[in-house]
Structures are given as C-alpha cells and as structure tokens.
Amino acid sequence: MYAEANQGAYPPAYQIGRDGRRWHSWRVLVLPFIEQNALFNRYRFDEPWDGPNNSQLASEMPRTFAFPGLKPQATTTTAYLAIVGADTIWPGAKAFRGKPKDGLANTILFAENNGLGVHWMEPRDLEFETMPFDLQKPDGISSRYRTPIVAMADTTIRSLSPNLDPRVVRAMATANGGEAIAETGDGWQIIEDGRQRELNK
C-alpha cells in the first residue's frame, strides 16, 4: 500500500535528521497504512524519534508491531525488524523502487526479532553485513515461538524451519542477489495465525 501511494517506492529503512543521525524509522512512516493516522499526525518529524515531543508517544505502540498473543501496551519493543543493507529491499535512507530481481516471493520484507529490544519508533533494525543468518539468534531472525516468521515482499507470511540452512536465509534477505532458492523438506510453511505456534523453550 505504501509503495502504491509513493510511485512504486518502498519506505526507506530510516530518515536522516539535521545532525546526520538516523531520526525516523520505517515503522513510523507506515503508520497511515496500518490504520494509525491519528498517531502519525501527532508524530513530529522536526525532531528525532526520542525527542521531547515524540517521546510522549513511546508507550502507544500499535498492536501490529507486537508479537501475536502479547498485549502491545505491555511493551514498547517491536517484534518486527527490516534487514538493512545495500543488497536488500531496505538499502538505508534511500528508498527501494520497483520489484526485486530475486522475485517478490523470495525476498524478505521484514522478520521477527526476539532479543535486540528495539523500540518501535527507533530507527534501528537488523544489519545485513553483521547479523547472523542462523535462526533464533538474538541479533538475527528470532522469535518467542519455535519457528520464526518472515513477511515476504509478495505479502505472504512464511514460517522458517529451525533447520533452515543459514545460506538460504542469507539469500532470502537479498533483493537482487540472483541466488536460486528452492523449497525442500526443511523449507517454508505458510501459517494463518502466529498464536498457534509452539513457544520457544
């Protein structure tokens, strides 16, 4: 929906402020597209995400950013992070345009994370160059559930097998990497409701 409203451009992973630092997250930019217009209109783009006015919105995380089964008012930590890097669909402050050469169904749009403790307004996400591609690492794709899920660029939600090869996860994170990905017995599964998954022990 965001891309359709912005001439085919996805939101940038972050916006840079006057001081050269990351000020605003993609999670704030998409608020009008997840029925959060009122919250978006109260957000100030002339100050950082943790500025004096924006800090007053800290506790108002939309339910969309919480793990299924958790009450959003119980946390300000987002469960969903982008994978930021030159070869991903989130190149940074520059918006990705068009369709990924690797295919919409083979490109991760964002992923679950259970460990980095990123505030929902904070312009911080997974970094392609430094993140582990093994699943269930706190600084990578991870979940409070046994099988982490990712949202693909074709809007499907996929469950990742705990045995998925890290090389496959890395290939899924790129948008134009040219890797060939095939489903196997340890491949992806589409799930309907994240609350039905087994909790990670």
C-alpha atoms as a PDB file:
ATOM      1  CA  MET A   1       0.000   0.000   0.000  1.00  0.00           C
ATOM      2  CA  TYR A   2       2.841   2.378   0.823  1.00  0.00           C
ATOM      3  CA  ALA A   3       4.560   1.629  -2.484  1.00  0.00           C
ATOM      4  CA  GLU A   4       1.340   2.096  -4.410  1.00  0.00           C
ATOM      5  CA  ALA A   5       0.902   5.523  -2.822  1.00  0.00           C
ATOM      6  CA  ASN A   6       4.537   6.515  -3.481  1.00  0.00           C
ATOM      7  CA  GLN A   7       5.117   5.757  -7.156  1.00  0.00           C
ATOM      8  CA  GLY A   8       6.442   2.258  -6.529  1.00  0.00           C
ATOM      9  CA  ALA A   9       8.887   3.250  -3.795  1.00  0.00           C
ATOM     10  CA  TYR A  10       9.059   1.285  -0.560  1.00  0.00           C
ATOM     11  CA  PRO A  11       9.635   3.328   2.615  1.00  0.00           C
ATOM     12  CA  PRO A  12      13.286   3.957   3.413  1.00  0.00           C
ATOM     13  CA  ALA A  13      14.575   1.979   6.383  1.00  0.00           C
ATOM     14  CA  TYR A  14      15.208   5.275   8.137  1.00  0.00           C
ATOM     15  CA  GLN A  15      15.289   9.029   7.562  1.00  0.00           C
ATOM     16  CA  ILE A  16      18.332  11.125   8.426  1.00  0.00           C
ATOM     17  CA  GLY A  17      17.952  14.218  10.609  1.00  0.00           C
ATOM     18  CA  ARG A  18      19.702  17.586  10.558  1.00  0.00           C
ATOM     19  CA  ASP A  19      22.540  16.256  12.698  1.00  0.00           C
ATOM     20  CA  GLY A  20      23.308  13.388  10.313  1.00  0.00           C
ATOM     21  CA  ARG A  21      21.886  10.721  12.637  1.00  0.00           C
ATOM     22  CA  ARG A  22      19.010   8.368  11.984  1.00  0.00           C
ATOM     23  CA  TRP A  23      15.874  10.154  13.179  1.00  0.00           C
ATOM     24  CA  HIS A  24      12.831   8.266  11.930  1.00  0.00           C
ATOM     25  CA  SER A  25      12.001   4.599  11.324  1.00  0.00           C
ATOM     26  CA  TRP A  26      10.036   2.944   8.538  1.00  0.00           C
ATOM     27  CA  ARG A  27       7.648   1.776  11.263  1.00  0.00           C
ATOM     28  CA  VAL A  28       6.605   5.391  11.796  1.00  0.00           C
ATOM     29  CA  LEU A  29       6.349   6.064   8.045  1.00  0.00           C
ATOM     30  CA  VAL A  30       3.870   3.229   7.520  1.00  0.00           C
ATOM     31  CA  LEU A  31       1.535   4.261  10.351  1.00  0.00           C
ATOM     32  CA  PRO A  32      -1.101   5.770   7.990  1.00  0.00           C
ATOM     33  CA  PHE A  33      -1.221   2.440   6.139  1.00  0.00           C
ATOM     34  CA  ILE A  34      -1.975   0.372   9.255  1.00  0.00           C
ATOM     35  CA  GLU A  35      -4.910   2.497  10.399  1.00  0.00           C
ATOM     36  CA  GLN A  36      -2.817   4.717  12.672  1.00  0.00           C
ATOM     37  CA  ASN A  37      -3.376   8.143  11.092  1.00  0.00           C
ATOM     38  CA  ALA A  38      -4.057   9.850  14.405  1.00  0.00           C
ATOM     39  CA  LEU A  39      -0.789   8.580  15.874  1.00  0.00           C
ATOM     40  CA  PHE A  40       1.126   9.544  12.716  1.00  0.00           C
ATOM     41  CA  ASN A  41      -0.295  13.070  12.821  1.00  0.00           C
ATOM     42  CA  ARG A  42       0.958  13.528  16.382  1.00  0.00           C
ATOM     43  CA  TYR A  43       4.485  12.439  15.489  1.00  0.00           C
ATOM     44  CA  ARG A  44       6.975  15.284  14.946  1.00  0.00           C
ATOM     45  CA  PHE A  45       9.373  14.925  12.009  1.00  0.00           C
ATOM     46  CA  ASP A  46      11.292  18.064  13.026  1.00  0.00           C
ATOM     47  CA  GLU A  47      12.839  16.206  15.982  1.00  0.00           C
ATOM     48  CA  PRO A  48      14.338  12.712  16.496  1.00  0.00           C
ATOM     49  CA  TRP A  49      12.212   9.717  17.403  1.00  0.00           C
ATOM     50  CA  ASP A  50      13.308  10.140  21.037  1.00  0.00           C
ATOM     51  CA  GLY A  51      12.877  13.919  21.097  1.00  0.00           C
ATOM     52  CA  PRO A  52      10.783  15.634  23.800  1.00  0.00           C
ATOM     53  CA  ASN A  53       7.502  15.534  21.873  1.00  0.00           C
ATOM     54  CA  ASN A  54       7.896  12.144  20.208  1.00  0.00           C
ATOM     55  CA  SER A  55       8.889  10.566  23.498  1.00  0.00           C
ATOM     56  CA  GLN A  56       5.341  11.174  24.682  1.00  0.00           C
ATOM     57  CA  LEU A  57       4.175   8.624  22.079  1.00  0.00           C
ATOM     58  CA  ALA A  58       6.618   5.952  23.253  1.00  0.00           C
ATOM     59  CA  SER A  59       4.028   3.830  25.043  1.00  0.00           C
ATOM     60  CA  GLU A  60       1.499   3.876  22.200  1.00  0.00           C
ATOM     61  CA  MET A  61       2.930   1.065  20.086  1.00  0.00           C
ATOM     62  CA  PRO A  62       0.336  -0.258  17.616  1.00  0.00           C
ATOM     63  CA  ARG A  63      -0.760  -3.855  18.105  1.00  0.00           C
ATOM     64  CA  THR A  64       0.610  -4.601  14.615  1.00  0.00           C
ATOM     65  CA  PHE A  65       4.199  -4.349  15.905  1.00  0.00           C
ATOM     66  CA  ALA A  66       3.734  -6.735  18.848  1.00  0.00           C
ATOM     67  CA  PHE A  67       4.201 -10.494  18.813  1.00  0.00           C
ATOM     68  CA  PRO A  68       0.888 -12.315  18.311  1.00  0.00           C
ATOM     69  CA  GLY A  69      -0.555 -13.164  21.684  1.00  0.00           C
ATOM     70  CA  LEU A  70       1.135 -10.264  23.503  1.00  0.00           C
ATOM     71  CA  LYS A  71      -0.703  -7.142  24.569  1.00  0.00           C
ATOM     72  CA  PRO A  72       1.051  -4.182  22.911  1.00  0.00           C
ATOM     73  CA  GLN A  73       0.510  -1.973  25.972  1.00  0.00           C
ATOM     74  CA  ALA A  74       2.772  -4.363  27.894  1.00  0.00           C
ATOM     75  CA  THR A  75       5.816  -3.458  25.795  1.00  0.00           C
ATOM     76  CA  THR A  76       7.342  -0.760  23.594  1.00  0.00           C
ATOM     77  CA  THR A  77       9.639  -3.270  21.866  1.00  0.00           C
ATOM     78  CA  THR A  78       8.790  -4.102  18.265  1.00  0.00           C
ATOM     79  CA  ALA A  79       8.724  -7.733  17.203  1.00  0.00           C
ATOM     80  CA  TYR A  80       9.404  -6.861  13.561  1.00  0.00           C
ATOM     81  CA  LEU A  81      12.607  -5.587  12.018  1.00  0.00           C
ATOM     82  CA  ALA A  82      13.756  -4.892   8.483  1.00  0.00           C
ATOM     83  CA  ILE A  83      17.044  -6.262   7.159  1.00  0.00           C
ATOM     84  CA  VAL A  84      19.034  -3.199   6.134  1.00  0.00           C
ATOM     85  CA  GLY A  85      21.817  -3.343   3.585  1.00  0.00           C
ATOM     86  CA  ALA A  86      22.838  -2.358   0.071  1.00  0.00           C
ATOM     87  CA  ASP A  87      21.642  -5.668  -1.395  1.00  0.00           C
ATOM     88  CA  THR A  88      18.329  -5.820   0.465  1.00  0.00           C
ATOM     89  CA  ILE A  89      14.932  -4.249  -0.112  1.00  0.00           C
ATOM     90  CA  TRP A  90      15.909  -1.785   2.651  1.00  0.00           C
ATOM     91  CA  PRO A  91      19.111  -0.083   1.355  1.00  0.00           C
ATOM     92  CA  GLY A  92      19.013   2.542   4.118  1.00  0.00           C
ATOM     93  CA  ALA A  93      17.949   6.171   3.802  1.00  0.00           C
ATOM     94  CA  LYS A  94      17.308   5.618   0.099  1.00  0.00           C
ATOM     95  CA  ALA A  95      14.022   4.013  -0.879  1.00  0.00           C
ATOM     96  CA  PHE A  96      13.962   0.779  -2.893  1.00  0.00           C
ATOM     97  CA  ARG A  97      11.948   1.132  -6.093  1.00  0.00           C
ATOM     98  CA  GLY A  98      10.374  -1.438  -8.365  1.00  0.00           C
ATOM     99  CA  LYS A  99      10.416  -5.183  -7.895  1.00  0.00           C
ATOM    100  CA  PRO A 100      13.342  -7.227  -6.554  1.00  0.00           C
ATOM    101  CA  LYS A 101      15.115  -9.229  -9.234  1.00  0.00           C
ATOM    102  CA  ASP A 102      15.129 -12.247  -6.937  1.00  0.00           C
ATOM    103  CA  GLY A 103      11.330 -12.228  -7.019  1.00  0.00           C
ATOM    104  CA  LEU A 104       8.775 -10.900  -4.583  1.00  0.00           C
ATOM    105  CA  ALA A 105       8.116 -14.351  -3.126  1.00  0.00           C
ATOM    106  CA  ASN A 106      11.835 -14.955  -2.469  1.00  0.00           C
ATOM    107  CA  THR A 107      12.648 -11.621  -0.793  1.00  0.00           C
ATOM    108  CA  ILE A 108      12.180 -10.931   2.920  1.00  0.00           C
ATOM    109  CA  LEU A 109      10.371  -7.672   3.629  1.00  0.00           C
ATOM    110  CA  PHE A 110      10.738  -7.866   7.408  1.00  0.00           C
ATOM    111  CA  ALA A 111      11.344 -10.506  10.048  1.00  0.00           C
ATOM    112  CA  GLU A 112      10.621 -11.331  13.653  1.00  0.00           C
ATOM    113  CA  ASN A 113      13.230 -10.496  16.264  1.00  0.00           C
ATOM    114  CA  ASN A 114      13.285 -11.514  19.905  1.00  0.00           C
ATOM    115  CA  GLY A 115      16.423 -10.183  21.548  1.00  0.00           C
ATOM    116  CA  LEU A 116      17.595  -6.803  20.280  1.00  0.00           C
ATOM    117  CA  GLY A 117      14.954  -4.884  22.214  1.00  0.00           C
ATOM    118  CA  VAL A 118      14.328  -2.257  19.526  1.00  0.00           C
ATOM    119  CA  HIS A 119      11.813   0.425  20.491  1.00  0.00           C
ATOM    120  CA  TRP A 120       9.046   0.556  17.915  1.00  0.00           C
ATOM    121  CA  MET A 121       9.892   4.152  16.914  1.00  0.00           C
ATOM    122  CA  GLU A 122      13.656   3.625  16.966  1.00  0.00           C
ATOM    123  CA  PRO A 123      15.353   3.723  13.531  1.00  0.00           C
ATOM    124  CA  ARG A 124      17.304   0.538  14.205  1.00  0.00           C
ATOM    125  CA  ASP A 125      16.903  -2.823  12.508  1.00  0.00           C
ATOM    126  CA  LEU A 126      18.888  -5.907  11.532  1.00  0.00           C
ATOM    127  CA  GLU A 127      22.067  -5.085   9.597  1.00  0.00           C
ATOM    128  CA  PHE A 128      22.766  -7.433   6.692  1.00  0.00           C
ATOM    129  CA  GLU A 129      26.544  -7.078   6.981  1.00  0.00           C
ATOM    130  CA  THR A 130      26.762  -8.002  10.656  1.00  0.00           C
ATOM    131  CA  MET A 131      23.687 -10.097  11.546  1.00  0.00           C
ATOM    132  CA  PRO A 132      23.892 -13.885  11.922  1.00  0.00           C
ATOM    133  CA  PHE A 133      21.840 -15.898   9.449  1.00  0.00           C
ATOM    134  CA  ASP A 134      21.399 -18.785  11.853  1.00  0.00           C
ATOM    135  CA  LEU A 135      17.854 -18.675  13.182  1.00  0.00           C
ATOM    136  CA  GLN A 136      16.942 -17.907  16.798  1.00  0.00           C
ATOM    137  CA  LYS A 137      20.000 -15.746  17.472  1.00  0.00           C
ATOM    138  CA  PRO A 138      19.010 -12.646  19.489  1.00  0.00           C
ATOM    139  CA  ASP A 139      20.687 -10.311  16.991  1.00  0.00           C
ATOM    140  CA  GLY A 140      19.149 -12.035  13.958  1.00  0.00           C
ATOM    141  CA  ILE A 141      15.859 -13.530  12.840  1.00  0.00           C
ATOM    142  CA  SER A 142      14.403 -14.914  16.050  1.00  0.00           C
ATOM    143  CA  SER A 143      11.114 -15.390  17.815  1.00  0.00           C
ATOM    144  CA  ARG A 144       9.434 -16.180  21.106  1.00  0.00           C
ATOM    145  CA  TYR A 145       7.984 -19.061  19.109  1.00  0.00           C
ATOM    146  CA  ARG A 146       9.871 -22.150  17.959  1.00  0.00           C
ATOM    147  CA  THR A 147       9.568 -21.187  14.277  1.00  0.00           C
ATOM    148  CA  PRO A 148      10.297 -17.542  13.417  1.00  0.00           C
ATOM    149  CA  ILE A 149       8.210 -15.965  10.701  1.00  0.00           C
ATOM    150  CA  VAL A 150       9.079 -13.501   7.970  1.00  0.00           C
ATOM    151  CA  ALA A 151       6.901 -11.373   5.726  1.00  0.00           C
ATOM    152  CA  MET A 152       7.863 -11.650   2.086  1.00  0.00           C
ATOM    153  CA  ALA A 153       7.681  -8.873  -0.477  1.00  0.00           C
ATOM    154  CA  ASP A 154       4.702 -10.584  -2.125  1.00  0.00           C
ATOM    155  CA  THR A 155       2.797 -10.068   1.189  1.00  0.00           C
ATOM    156  CA  THR A 156       2.847 -13.762   2.168  1.00  0.00           C
ATOM    157  CA  ILE A 157       3.794 -14.734   5.717  1.00  0.00           C
ATOM    158  CA  ARG A 158       6.164 -17.680   5.967  1.00  0.00           C
ATOM    159  CA  SER A 159       7.331 -19.820   8.843  1.00  0.00           C
ATOM    160  CA  LEU A 160      11.022 -20.726   8.828  1.00  0.00           C
ATOM    161  CA  SER A 161      12.078 -24.217   9.821  1.00  0.00           C
ATOM    162  CA  PRO A 162      14.600 -24.310  12.702  1.00  0.00           C
ATOM    163  CA  ASN A 163      16.802 -26.433  10.404  1.00  0.00           C
ATOM    164  CA  LEU A 164      16.880 -23.920   7.545  1.00  0.00           C
ATOM    165  CA  ASP A 165      20.378 -23.518   6.095  1.00  0.00           C
ATOM    166  CA  PRO A 166      21.824 -20.069   7.013  1.00  0.00           C
ATOM    167  CA  ARG A 167      22.906 -19.694   3.368  1.00  0.00           C
ATOM    168  CA  VAL A 168      19.260 -19.911   2.336  1.00  0.00           C
ATOM    169  CA  VAL A 169      18.273 -17.302   4.933  1.00  0.00           C
ATOM    170  CA  ARG A 170      21.009 -15.003   3.624  1.00  0.00           C
ATOM    171  CA  ALA A 171      19.786 -15.476   0.064  1.00  0.00           C
ATOM    172  CA  MET A 172      16.226 -14.675   1.140  1.00  0.00           C
ATOM    173  CA  ALA A 173      17.436 -11.422   2.701  1.00  0.00           C
ATOM    174  CA  THR A 174      18.793 -10.080  -0.588  1.00  0.00           C
ATOM    175  CA  ALA A 175      16.587  -8.415  -3.185  1.00  0.00           C
ATOM    176  CA  ASN A 176      18.871  -8.558  -6.204  1.00  0.00           C
ATOM    177  CA  GLY A 177      21.401 -11.223  -5.212  1.00  0.00           C
ATOM    178  CA  GLY A 178      20.478 -13.622  -8.006  1.00  0.00           C
ATOM    179  CA  GLU A 179      20.503 -16.672  -5.738  1.00  0.00           C
ATOM    180  CA  ALA A 180      18.330 -19.650  -6.708  1.00  0.00           C
ATOM    181  CA  ILE A 181      16.109 -20.793  -3.837  1.00  0.00           C
ATOM    182  CA  ALA A 182      14.095 -23.998  -3.891  1.00  0.00           C
ATOM    183  CA  GLU A 183      11.730 -25.316  -1.241  1.00  0.00           C
ATOM    184  CA  THR A 184      12.782 -28.561   0.456  1.00  0.00           C
ATOM    185  CA  GLY A 185      11.531 -30.652   3.338  1.00  0.00           C
ATOM    186  CA  ASP A 186      13.035 -28.070   5.679  1.00  0.00           C
ATOM    187  CA  GLY A 187      11.639 -25.191   3.658  1.00  0.00           C
ATOM    188  CA  TRP A 188       8.949 -22.610   4.391  1.00  0.00           C
ATOM    189  CA  GLN A 189       5.434 -23.122   5.598  1.00  0.00           C
ATOM    190  CA  ILE A 190       2.627 -20.593   5.305  1.00  0.00           C
ATOM    191  CA  ILE A 191       0.831 -20.065   8.617  1.00  0.00           C
ATOM    192  CA  GLU A 192      -2.528 -18.500   9.256  1.00  0.00           C
ATOM    193  CA  ASP A 193      -2.207 -17.366  12.857  1.00  0.00           C
ATOM    194  CA  GLY A 194       1.059 -16.900  14.746  1.00  0.00           C
ATOM    195  CA  ARG A 195      -0.630 -17.596  18.086  1.00  0.00           C
ATOM    196  CA  GLN A 196      -0.974 -21.256  17.138  1.00  0.00           C
ATOM    197  CA  ARG A 197       2.808 -21.766  17.070  1.00  0.00           C
ATOM    198  CA  GLU A 198       4.770 -23.637  19.718  1.00  0.00           C
ATOM    199  CA  LEU A 199       6.607 -21.317  22.126  1.00  0.00           C
ATOM    200  CA  ASN A 200      10.426 -21.356  22.004  1.00  0.00           C
ATOM    201  CA  LYS A 201      11.831 -23.115  25.087  1.00  0.00           C
END
